Amino acid sequence: MDREYDLTVRQQPKQARMCGVSGKDRRPIDPPPIVELRVRERRRDAYSAEERESVSFLENPYYFMFASLASVDSDQEMHLLSDGQTRCTTGQVVSSLYHLKDTENRNSDAGFFVFPDLSVRTEGSYRLKLSLFEIVG
């Protein structure tokens, strides 16, 4: 059985204010990034190929998404500020999969990764690089 993963950015910020280095100066990215996950399972045998959208993944606690800061023109991730000790992002950089109702799609069940407490500590133009992981084994 093969799986095909479909990620859709459902909400994303166009710009955000940077926060300071101290823990008291927090400005979370607003609106928070939200990514929808859909999984399709393909079963192939000698006689046919069947494809269907899976809903069992909605209860899978082993999916998570990691958000990192990346430069605008490459996938180069930026983890630390120039001091070599302070992280470029702060707050919640990892999201578990949330099983929620999709109000934009007839209240159907859907899986979402939500980053409500993610802040950027450095000024400039960047992208958020969102990476999907599944813990196996």
Foldseek 3Di string as FASTA:
>chain_A
DDKDKDKDWPDDAPDFDAFAQDPVGFGFGPPWTKMWIWMKDWDDDPPDIDIDTDPVCLPAQFKKKFKFKAAPPDRDTAAADPVVPGGQKDDDRMFTWHFFQDPVPVRDTTTMGTGRRMHGHDDDDIDIDMDMDGDDD
